[in-house]
């Protein structure tokens, strides 16, 4: 009856008044569209033993567990071990790639360009870091320009030593890799051009060749590489120089 309702209301007011002196009651509240909140239920204590009532039950099947297990991301140590085994990288190079989060980028470049893995890893792990220290914005270097630079290397249009200079041109002048290689005079010479330079070097050092025989290889190799300024592969220079010296010794 009305008397019971009034008594219950009074008791609730008294209870609330008492709680108010103890601080704001801990409760779960619902966010409303007008940015206010409304009471949902008391906040459960740490000893709560019942399930979350707002979340529907989710059955975890063995198939779901297997799917999750099969798609777990590689742990850093697993990733490091894999690229050491798959690409023959050193411990330090693989560590740097994992640490700098460049493994995916490394694998895409190696697969897409066919460049020797250690060359790619070294550039990503060390060369880019050096360019950053020089104040260049390597973090915004597009992957397409990295790939383009390595494609020039794979095609024999630039040497390994020229890769860093090409990237400097790309970053500083906003050139494409092809433009940087051309504008900075970094494009490799043809074998015929290299042979002509080797012939001139040997001819101008004929006396040394006759006196030292193949012992002249070392000094003349240094002269040739200095004159070629990285525009020819060292193995090709060595081969052509050896052939040219042998002509004088016959």
Foldseek 3Di string as FASTA:
>chain_A
DVVVVVVVVVVVVVVVVVVVVVPDFAFDWAQDPVRDIHGDGGDDDPPDDDDDPVDDDDDCDPVNVVVCVVPDDDDLVRQLVVCCVPQVDDSVLSNQCSVVVNSVLLVCLCVVQVDRSNLSSCCVRPLLVVVVVVVFDSVPDDSVQVSVLSNCCSVQQADSVCSSQLVVCCRPVVDRSVCSCVVVVGTADDLVVLLVVLLVLCVVVVVVCVVCPCPCLVVSLVVSCVVRVRRDDSVSNSVSNNVNSVVSVD
